[in-house]
PDB file of all heavy atoms in Angstrom:
ATOM      1  N   ARG A   1      61.064  20.265 -12.420  1.00  0.00           N
ATOM      2  CA  ARG A   1      61.437  19.862 -13.758  1.00  0.00           C
ATOM      3  C   ARG A   1      60.210  19.460 -14.613  1.00  0.00           C
ATOM      4  O   ARG A   1      60.104  19.752 -15.772  1.00  0.00           O
ATOM      5  CB  ARG A   1      62.490  18.733 -13.748  1.00  0.00           C
ATOM      6  CG  ARG A   1      63.864  19.308 -13.425  1.00  0.00           C
ATOM      7  CD  ARG A   1      64.783  18.223 -12.851  1.00  0.00           C
ATOM      8  NE  ARG A   1      66.102  18.738 -12.615  1.00  0.00           N
ATOM      9  CZ  ARG A   1      66.454  19.599 -11.672  1.00  0.00           C
ATOM     10  NH1 ARG A   1      65.572  20.089 -10.847  1.00  0.00           N
ATOM     11  NH2 ARG A   1      67.708  19.991 -11.539  1.00  0.00           N
ATOM     12  N   GLY A   2      59.252  18.864 -13.951  1.00  0.00           N
ATOM     13  CA  GLY A   2      58.005  18.525 -14.626  1.00  0.00           C
ATOM     14  C   GLY A   2      57.250  19.750 -15.076  1.00  0.00           C
ATOM     15  O   GLY A   2      56.609  19.737 -16.152  1.00  0.00           O
ATOM     16  N   LYS A   3      57.301  20.786 -14.291  1.00  0.00           N
ATOM     17  CA  LYS A   3      56.600  22.031 -14.641  1.00  0.00           C
ATOM     18  C   LYS A   3      57.181  22.703 -15.855  1.00  0.00           C
ATOM     19  O   LYS A   3      56.502  23.529 -16.459  1.00  0.00           O
ATOM     20  CB  LYS A   3      56.602  23.003 -13.430  1.00  0.00           C
ATOM     21  CG  LYS A   3      55.702  22.534 -12.297  1.00  0.00           C
ATOM     22  CD  LYS A   3      55.765  23.461 -11.124  1.00  0.00           C
ATOM     23  CE  LYS A   3      54.879  22.945  -9.991  1.00  0.00           C
ATOM     24  NZ  LYS A   3      54.947  23.830  -8.818  1.00  0.00           N
ATOM     25  N   VAL A   4      58.434  22.410 -16.186  1.00  0.00           N
ATOM     26  CA  VAL A   4      59.012  22.967 -17.387  1.00  0.00           C
ATOM     27  C   VAL A   4      59.049  21.961 -18.556  1.00  0.00           C
ATOM     28  O   VAL A   4      59.696  22.189 -19.524  1.00  0.00           O
ATOM     29  CB  VAL A   4      60.409  23.555 -17.153  1.00  0.00           C
ATOM     30  CG1 VAL A   4      60.366  24.742 -16.187  1.00  0.00           C
ATOM     31  CG2 VAL A   4      61.410  22.493 -16.676  1.00  0.00           C
ATOM     32  N   GLY A   5      58.305  20.881 -18.358  1.00  0.00           N
ATOM     33  CA  GLY A   5      58.036  19.974 -19.480  1.00  0.00           C
ATOM     34  C   GLY A   5      59.064  18.819 -19.594  1.00  0.00           C
ATOM     35  O   GLY A   5      59.060  18.142 -20.621  1.00  0.00           O
ATOM     36  N   ILE A   6      59.865  18.581 -18.587  1.00  0.00           N
ATOM     37  CA  ILE A   6      60.828  17.477 -18.705  1.00  0.00           C
ATOM     38  C   ILE A   6      60.088  16.144 -18.511  1.00  0.00           C
ATOM     39  O   ILE A   6      59.370  15.937 -17.546  1.00  0.00           O
ATOM     40  CB  ILE A   6      61.952  17.631 -17.665  1.00  0.00           C
ATOM     41  CG1 ILE A   6      62.791  18.836 -18.041  1.00  0.00           C
ATOM     42  CG2 ILE A   6      62.834  16.367 -17.618  1.00  0.00           C
ATOM     43  CD1 ILE A   6      63.924  19.147 -17.077  1.00  0.00           C
ATOM     44  N   SER A   7      60.232  15.306 -19.499  1.00  0.00           N
ATOM     45  CA  SER A   7      59.529  14.023 -19.579  1.00  0.00           C
ATOM     46  C   SER A   7      59.793  13.204 -18.307  1.00  0.00           C
ATOM     47  O   SER A   7      60.897  13.092 -17.841  1.00  0.00           O
ATOM     48  CB  SER A   7      59.977  13.273 -20.830  1.00  0.00           C
ATOM     49  OG  SER A   7      59.423  11.978 -20.856  1.00  0.00           O
ATOM     50  N   ASN A   8      58.732  12.576 -17.794  1.00  0.00           N
ATOM     51  CA  ASN A   8      58.828  11.601 -16.712  1.00  0.00           C
ATOM     52  C   ASN A   8      59.132  12.232 -15.336  1.00  0.00           C
ATOM     53  O   ASN A   8      59.258  11.512 -14.340  1.00  0.00           O
ATOM     54  CB  ASN A   8      59.832  10.517 -17.054  1.00  0.00           C
ATOM     55  CG  ASN A   8      59.507   9.173 -16.399  1.00  0.00           C
ATOM     56  OD1 ASN A   8      58.332   8.884 -16.166  1.00  0.00           O
ATOM     57  ND2 ASN A   8      60.506   8.403 -16.092  1.00  0.00           N
ATOM     58  N   ALA A   9      59.286  13.521 -15.268  1.00  0.00           N
ATOM     59  CA  ALA A   9      59.707  14.174 -14.005  1.00  0.00           C
ATOM     60  C   ALA A   9      58.610  14.043 -12.937  1.00  0.00           C
ATOM     61  O   ALA A   9      58.905  13.791 -11.796  1.00  0.00           O
ATOM     62  CB  ALA A   9      60.105  15.615 -14.237  1.00  0.00           C
ATOM     63  N   PHE A  10      57.360  14.223 -13.332  1.00  0.00           N
ATOM     64  CA  PHE A  10      56.307  14.068 -12.322  1.00  0.00           C
ATOM     65  C   PHE A  10      56.213  12.638 -11.782  1.00  0.00           C
ATOM     66  O   PHE A  10      55.875  12.478 -10.600  1.00  0.00           O
ATOM     67  CB  PHE A  10      54.932  14.523 -12.914  1.00  0.00           C
ATOM     68  CG  PHE A  10      54.811  16.026 -13.067  1.00  0.00           C
ATOM     69  CD1 PHE A  10      54.438  16.570 -14.289  1.00  0.00           C
ATOM     70  CD2 PHE A  10      55.019  16.887 -11.994  1.00  0.00           C
ATOM     71  CE1 PHE A  10      54.314  17.934 -14.453  1.00  0.00           C
ATOM     72  CE2 PHE A  10      54.916  18.257 -12.161  1.00  0.00           C
ATOM     73  CZ  PHE A  10      54.522  18.792 -13.373  1.00  0.00           C
ATOM     74  N   VAL A  11      56.484  11.678 -12.590  1.00  0.00           N
ATOM     75  CA  VAL A  11      56.498  10.285 -12.135  1.00  0.00           C
ATOM     76  C   VAL A  11      57.522  10.135 -11.062  1.00  0.00           C
ATOM     77  O   VAL A  11      57.303   9.503  -9.996  1.00  0.00           O
ATOM     78  CB  VAL A  11      56.757   9.336 -13.332  1.00  0.00           C
ATOM     79  CG1 VAL A  11      56.977   7.923 -12.812  1.00  0.00           C
ATOM     80  CG2 VAL A  11      55.629   9.391 -14.323  1.00  0.00           C
ATOM     81  N   GLN A  12      58.736  10.684 -11.300  1.00  0.00           N
ATOM     82  CA  GLN A  12      59.776  10.580 -10.289  1.00  0.00           C
ATOM     83  C   GLN A  12      59.398  11.354  -9.011  1.00  0.00           C
ATOM     84  O   GLN A  12      59.639  10.873  -7.885  1.00  0.00           O
ATOM     85  CB  GLN A  12      61.082  11.144 -10.857  1.00  0.00           C
ATOM     86  CG  GLN A  12      61.707  10.305 -11.947  1.00  0.00           C
ATOM     87  CD  GLN A  12      62.074   8.916 -11.432  1.00  0.00           C
ATOM     88  OE1 GLN A  12      62.708   8.784 -10.425  1.00  0.00           O
ATOM     89  NE2 GLN A  12      61.728   7.916 -12.209  1.00  0.00           N
ATOM     90  N   ALA A  13      58.862  12.553  -9.186  1.00  0.00           N
ATOM     91  CA  ALA A  13      58.433  13.324  -8.013  1.00  0.00           C
ATOM     92  C   ALA A  13      57.452  12.507  -7.165  1.00  0.00           C
ATOM     93  O   ALA A  13      57.563  12.453  -5.936  1.00  0.00           O
ATOM     94  CB  ALA A  13      57.805  14.639  -8.446  1.00  0.00           C
ATOM     95  N   ARG A  14      56.499  11.875  -7.834  1.00  0.00           N
ATOM     96  CA  ARG A  14      55.505  11.083  -7.118  1.00  0.00           C
ATOM     97  C   ARG A  14      56.166   9.968  -6.338  1.00  0.00           C
ATOM     98  O   ARG A  14      55.781   9.676  -5.194  1.00  0.00           O
ATOM     99  CB  ARG A  14      54.490  10.504  -8.123  1.00  0.00           C
ATOM    100  CG  ARG A  14      53.331   9.785  -7.465  1.00  0.00           C
ATOM    101  CD  ARG A  14      52.229   9.385  -8.475  1.00  0.00           C
ATOM    102  NE  ARG A  14      51.754  10.482  -9.281  1.00  0.00           N
ATOM    103  CZ  ARG A  14      50.895  11.444  -8.837  1.00  0.00           C
ATOM    104  NH1 ARG A  14      50.475  11.379  -7.611  1.00  0.00           N
ATOM    105  NH2 ARG A  14      50.517  12.394  -9.652  1.00  0.00           N
ATOM    106  N   LEU A  15      57.166   9.269  -6.913  1.00  0.00           N
ATOM    107  CA  LEU A  15      57.820   8.187  -6.193  1.00  0.00           C
ATOM    108  C   LEU A  15      58.472   8.685  -4.900  1.00  0.00           C
ATOM    109  O   LEU A  15      58.380   8.008  -3.849  1.00  0.00           O
ATOM    110  CB  LEU A  15      58.867   7.559  -7.106  1.00  0.00           C
ATOM    111  CG  LEU A  15      58.362   6.748  -8.294  1.00  0.00           C
ATOM    112  CD1 LEU A  15      59.513   6.360  -9.196  1.00  0.00           C
ATOM    113  CD2 LEU A  15      57.590   5.571  -7.833  1.00  0.00           C
ATOM    114  N   PHE A  16      59.164   9.812  -4.968  1.00  0.00           N
ATOM    115  CA  PHE A  16      59.886  10.298  -3.776  1.00  0.00           C
ATOM    116  C   PHE A  16      58.885  10.812  -2.725  1.00  0.00           C
ATOM    117  O   PHE A  16      59.037  10.591  -1.538  1.00  0.00           O
ATOM    118  CB  PHE A  16      60.932  11.330  -4.122  1.00  0.00           C
ATOM    119  CG  PHE A  16      62.115  10.702  -4.821  1.00  0.00           C
ATOM    120  CD1 PHE A  16      62.384  10.965  -6.181  1.00  0.00           C
ATOM    121  CD2 PHE A  16      62.951   9.818  -4.150  1.00  0.00           C
ATOM    122  CE1 PHE A  16      63.434  10.357  -6.803  1.00  0.00           C
ATOM    123  CE2 PHE A  16      64.000   9.236  -4.795  1.00  0.00           C
ATOM    124  CZ  PHE A  16      64.261   9.512  -6.109  1.00  0.00           C
ATOM    125  N   TYR A  17      57.869  11.546  -3.170  1.00  0.00           N
ATOM    126  CA  TYR A  17      56.867  12.032  -2.246  1.00  0.00           C
ATOM    127  C   TYR A  17      56.135  10.847  -1.576  1.00  0.00           C
ATOM    128  O   TYR A  17      55.853  10.874  -0.405  1.00  0.00           O
ATOM    129  CB  TYR A  17      55.824  12.931  -2.967  1.00  0.00           C
ATOM    130  CG  TYR A  17      56.319  14.301  -3.352  1.00  0.00           C
ATOM    131  CD1 TYR A  17      55.739  14.944  -4.411  1.00  0.00           C
ATOM    132  CD2 TYR A  17      57.329  14.945  -2.654  1.00  0.00           C
ATOM    133  CE1 TYR A  17      56.130  16.212  -4.811  1.00  0.00           C
ATOM    134  CE2 TYR A  17      57.748  16.212  -3.050  1.00  0.00           C
ATOM    135  CZ  TYR A  17      57.141  16.845  -4.126  1.00  0.00           C
ATOM    136  OH  TYR A  17      57.537  18.119  -4.509  1.00  0.00           O
ATOM    137  N   GLN A  18      55.822   9.806  -2.379  1.00  0.00           N
ATOM    138  CA  GLN A  18      55.107   8.679  -1.855  1.00  0.00           C
ATOM    139  C   GLN A  18      55.913   7.937  -0.779  1.00  0.00           C
ATOM    140  O   GLN A  18      55.374   7.568   0.267  1.00  0.00           O
ATOM    141  CB  GLN A  18      54.749   7.693  -2.962  1.00  0.00           C
ATOM    142  CG  GLN A  18      53.787   6.563  -2.503  1.00  0.00           C
ATOM    143  CD  GLN A  18      52.457   7.084  -2.136  1.00  0.00           C
ATOM    144  OE1 GLN A  18      51.770   7.681  -2.936  1.00  0.00           O
ATOM    145  NE2 GLN A  18      52.029   6.845  -0.878  1.00  0.00           N
ATOM    146  N   ARG A  19      57.208   7.806  -1.019  1.00  0.00           N
ATOM    147  CA  ARG A  19      58.065   7.172  -0.050  1.00  0.00           C
ATOM    148  C   ARG A  19      58.009   7.900   1.299  1.00  0.00           C
ATOM    149  O   ARG A  19      57.847   7.304   2.379  1.00  0.00           O
ATOM    150  CB  ARG A  19      59.507   7.051  -0.552  1.00  0.00           C
ATOM    151  CG  ARG A  19      60.420   6.460   0.537  1.00  0.00           C
ATOM    152  CD  ARG A  19      61.743   6.120   0.083  1.00  0.00           C
ATOM    153  NE  ARG A  19      62.505   5.524   1.162  1.00  0.00           N
ATOM    154  CZ  ARG A  19      63.771   5.422   1.233  1.00  0.00           C
ATOM    155  NH1 ARG A  19      64.500   5.756   0.207  1.00  0.00           N
ATOM    156  NH2 ARG A  19      64.371   4.899   2.264  1.00  0.00           N
ATOM    157  N   ALA A  20      58.172   9.242   1.206  1.00  0.00           N
ATOM    158  CA  ALA A  20      58.165  10.031   2.433  1.00  0.00           C
ATOM    159  C   ALA A  20      56.749  10.052   3.070  1.00  0.00           C
ATOM    160  O   ALA A  20      56.651   9.962   4.318  1.00  0.00           O
ATOM    161  CB  ALA A  20      58.611  11.464   2.125  1.00  0.00           C
ATOM    162  N   CYS A  21      55.728  10.067   2.280  1.00  0.00           N
ATOM    163  CA  CYS A  21      54.371  10.035   2.794  1.00  0.00           C
ATOM    164  C   CYS A  21      54.129   8.721   3.538  1.00  0.00           C
ATOM    165  O   CYS A  21      53.565   8.710   4.657  1.00  0.00           O
ATOM    166  CB  CYS A  21      53.366  10.215   1.658  1.00  0.00           C
ATOM    167  SG  CYS A  21      51.642  10.184   2.204  1.00  0.00           S
ATOM    168  N   ASP A  22      54.574   7.628   2.935  1.00  0.00           N
ATOM    169  CA  ASP A  22      54.397   6.346   3.563  1.00  0.00           C
ATOM    170  C   ASP A  22      55.109   6.241   4.910  1.00  0.00           C
ATOM    171  O   ASP A  22      54.682   5.452   5.753  1.00  0.00           O
ATOM    172  CB  ASP A  22      54.919   5.229   2.623  1.00  0.00           C
ATOM    173  CG  ASP A  22      54.066   5.005   1.422  1.00  0.00           C
ATOM    174  OD1 ASP A  22      52.922   5.524   1.376  1.00  0.00           O
ATOM    175  OD2 ASP A  22      54.511   4.327   0.505  1.00  0.00           O
ATOM    176  N   GLU A  23      56.120   7.022   5.085  1.00  0.00           N
ATOM    177  CA  GLU A  23      56.883   7.076   6.347  1.00  0.00           C
ATOM    178  C   GLU A  23      56.313   8.103   7.307  1.00  0.00           C
ATOM    179  O   GLU A  23      56.933   8.356   8.358  1.00  0.00           O
ATOM    180  CB  GLU A  23      58.371   7.317   6.075  1.00  0.00           C
ATOM    181  CG  GLU A  23      59.064   6.175   5.339  1.00  0.00           C
ATOM    182  CD  GLU A  23      59.142   4.909   6.219  1.00  0.00           C
ATOM    183  OE1 GLU A  23      59.320   5.011   7.447  1.00  0.00           O
ATOM    184  OE2 GLU A  23      58.992   3.818   5.603  1.00  0.00           O
ATOM    185  N   GLY A  24      55.193   8.766   6.956  1.00  0.00           N
ATOM    186  CA  GLY A  24      54.585   9.659   7.838  1.00  0.00           C
ATOM    187  C   GLY A  24      54.895  11.122   7.745  1.00  0.00           C
ATOM    188  O   GLY A  24      54.562  11.905   8.584  1.00  0.00           O
ATOM    189  N   THR A  25      55.542  11.517   6.634  1.00  0.00           N
ATOM    190  CA  THR A  25      55.905  12.905   6.407  1.00  0.00           C
ATOM    191  C   THR A  25      54.738  13.641   5.772  1.00  0.00           C
ATOM    192  O   THR A  25      54.481  13.479   4.561  1.00  0.00           O
ATOM    193  CB  THR A  25      57.159  13.022   5.563  1.00  0.00           C
ATOM    194  OG1 THR A  25      58.190  12.251   6.182  1.00  0.00           O
ATOM    195  CG2 THR A  25      57.604  14.497   5.416  1.00  0.00           C
ATOM    196  N   LYS A  26      53.993  14.395   6.578  1.00  0.00           N
ATOM    197  CA  LYS A  26      52.751  15.028   6.123  1.00  0.00           C
ATOM    198  C   LYS A  26      52.906  15.896   4.918  1.00  0.00           C
ATOM    199  O   LYS A  26      52.108  15.859   3.976  1.00  0.00           O
ATOM    200  CB  LYS A  26      52.106  15.797   7.259  1.00  0.00           C
ATOM    201  CG  LYS A  26      50.742  16.374   6.869  1.00  0.00           C
ATOM    202  CD  LYS A  26      50.148  17.217   7.957  1.00  0.00           C
ATOM    203  CE  LYS A  26      48.797  17.841   7.637  1.00  0.00           C
ATOM    204  NZ  LYS A  26      48.602  18.294   6.301  1.00  0.00           N
ATOM    205  N   ILE A  27      53.957  16.703   4.852  1.00  0.00           N
ATOM    206  CA  ILE A  27      54.126  17.579   3.739  1.00  0.00           C
ATOM    207  C   ILE A  27      54.259  16.819   2.432  1.00  0.00           C
ATOM    208  O   ILE A  27      53.786  17.262   1.358  1.00  0.00           O
ATOM    209  CB  ILE A  27      55.298  18.578   3.902  1.00  0.00           C
ATOM    210  CG1 ILE A  27      55.277  19.673   2.862  1.00  0.00           C
ATOM    211  CG2 ILE A  27      56.659  17.831   3.888  1.00  0.00           C
ATOM    212  CD1 ILE A  27      56.101  20.872   3.186  1.00  0.00           C
ATOM    213  N   ALA A  28      54.874  15.664   2.478  1.00  0.00           N
ATOM    214  CA  ALA A  28      54.978  14.801   1.284  1.00  0.00           C
ATOM    215  C   ALA A  28      53.578  14.323   0.852  1.00  0.00           C
ATOM    216  O   ALA A  28      53.286  14.306  -0.347  1.00  0.00           O
ATOM    217  CB  ALA A  28      55.866  13.621   1.539  1.00  0.00           C
ATOM    218  N   CYS A  29      52.761  13.977   1.803  1.00  0.00           N
ATOM    219  CA  CYS A  29      51.376  13.545   1.469  1.00  0.00           C
ATOM    220  C   CYS A  29      50.608  14.696   0.835  1.00  0.00           C
ATOM    221  O   CYS A  29      49.876  14.513  -0.140  1.00  0.00           O
ATOM    222  CB  CYS A  29      50.647  13.099   2.738  1.00  0.00           C
ATOM    223  SG  CYS A  29      51.437  11.675   3.539  1.00  0.00           S
ATOM    224  N   ASP A  30      50.778  15.898   1.362  1.00  0.00           N
ATOM    225  CA  ASP A  30      50.151  17.093   0.807  1.00  0.00           C
ATOM    226  C   ASP A  30      50.620  17.378  -0.598  1.00  0.00           C
ATOM    227  O   ASP A  30      49.835  17.729  -1.490  1.00  0.00           O
ATOM    228  CB  ASP A  30      50.399  18.314   1.699  1.00  0.00           C
ATOM    229  CG  ASP A  30      49.749  18.205   3.079  1.00  0.00           C
ATOM    230  OD1 ASP A  30      48.810  17.381   3.257  1.00  0.00           O
ATOM    231  OD2 ASP A  30      50.125  18.946   3.975  1.00  0.00           O
ATOM    232  N   LYS A  31      51.905  17.248  -0.839  1.00  0.00           N
ATOM    233  CA  LYS A  31      52.482  17.509  -2.171  1.00  0.00           C
ATOM    234  C   LYS A  31      51.962  16.474  -3.206  1.00  0.00           C
ATOM    235  O   LYS A  31      51.764  16.825  -4.341  1.00  0.00           O
ATOM    236  CB  LYS A  31      54.011  17.536  -2.101  1.00  0.00           C
ATOM    237  CG  LYS A  31      54.553  18.746  -1.435  1.00  0.00           C
ATOM    238  CD  LYS A  31      56.067  18.672  -1.260  1.00  0.00           C
ATOM    239  CE  LYS A  31      56.619  19.911  -0.631  1.00  0.00           C
ATOM    240  NZ  LYS A  31      56.932  20.968  -1.591  1.00  0.00           N
ATOM    241  N   LEU A  32      51.735  15.275  -2.774  1.00  0.00           N
ATOM    242  CA  LEU A  32      51.234  14.239  -3.659  1.00  0.00           C
ATOM    243  C   LEU A  32      49.860  14.631  -4.206  1.00  0.00           C
ATOM    244  O   LEU A  32      49.576  14.411  -5.396  1.00  0.00           O
ATOM    245  CB  LEU A  32      51.053  12.911  -2.915  1.00  0.00           C
ATOM    246  CG  LEU A  32      52.237  12.021  -2.842  1.00  0.00           C
ATOM    247  CD1 LEU A  32      51.953  10.844  -1.880  1.00  0.00           C
ATOM    248  CD2 LEU A  32      52.637  11.454  -4.200  1.00  0.00           C
TER     249      LEU A  32
END
Protein backbone atom coordinates (compact mmCIF):
# COMPACT_ATOMS: atom_id res chain seq x y z
CA ARG A 1 0.00 0.00 0.00
CA GLY A 2 2.91 2.32 0.67
CA LYS A 3 4.26 1.66 -2.81
CA VAL A 4 1.04 3.02 -4.30
CA GLY A 5 1.18 6.14 -2.17
CA ILE A 6 -1.16 5.33 0.70
CA SER A 7 -0.27 7.63 3.56
CA ASN A 8 1.36 6.13 6.65
CA ALA A 9 1.50 2.62 5.14
CA PHE A 10 5.28 2.28 5.38
CA VAL A 11 5.11 3.27 9.04
CA GLN A 12 2.66 0.43 9.67
CA ALA A 13 4.77 -2.02 7.64
CA ARG A 14 7.80 -1.09 9.73
CA LEU A 15 5.91 -1.77 12.99
CA PHE A 16 4.86 -5.27 11.96
CA TYR A 17 8.23 -6.18 10.46
CA GLN A 18 9.99 -4.87 13.58
CA ARG A 19 7.82 -6.98 15.87
CA ALA A 20 8.62 -10.13 13.90
CA CYS A 21 12.30 -9.20 13.63
CA ASP A 22 12.51 -8.68 17.38
CA GLU A 23 11.16 -12.21 17.78
CA GLY A 24 13.88 -13.62 15.53
CA THR A 25 12.14 -13.84 12.16
CA LYS A 26 15.02 -13.20 9.76
CA ILE A 27 12.91 -12.37 6.72
CA ALA A 28 11.25 -9.58 8.70
CA CYS A 29 14.68 -8.16 9.57
CA ASP A 30 15.64 -8.30 5.90
CA LYS A 31 12.42 -6.55 4.85
CA LEU A 32 13.04 -3.77 7.36
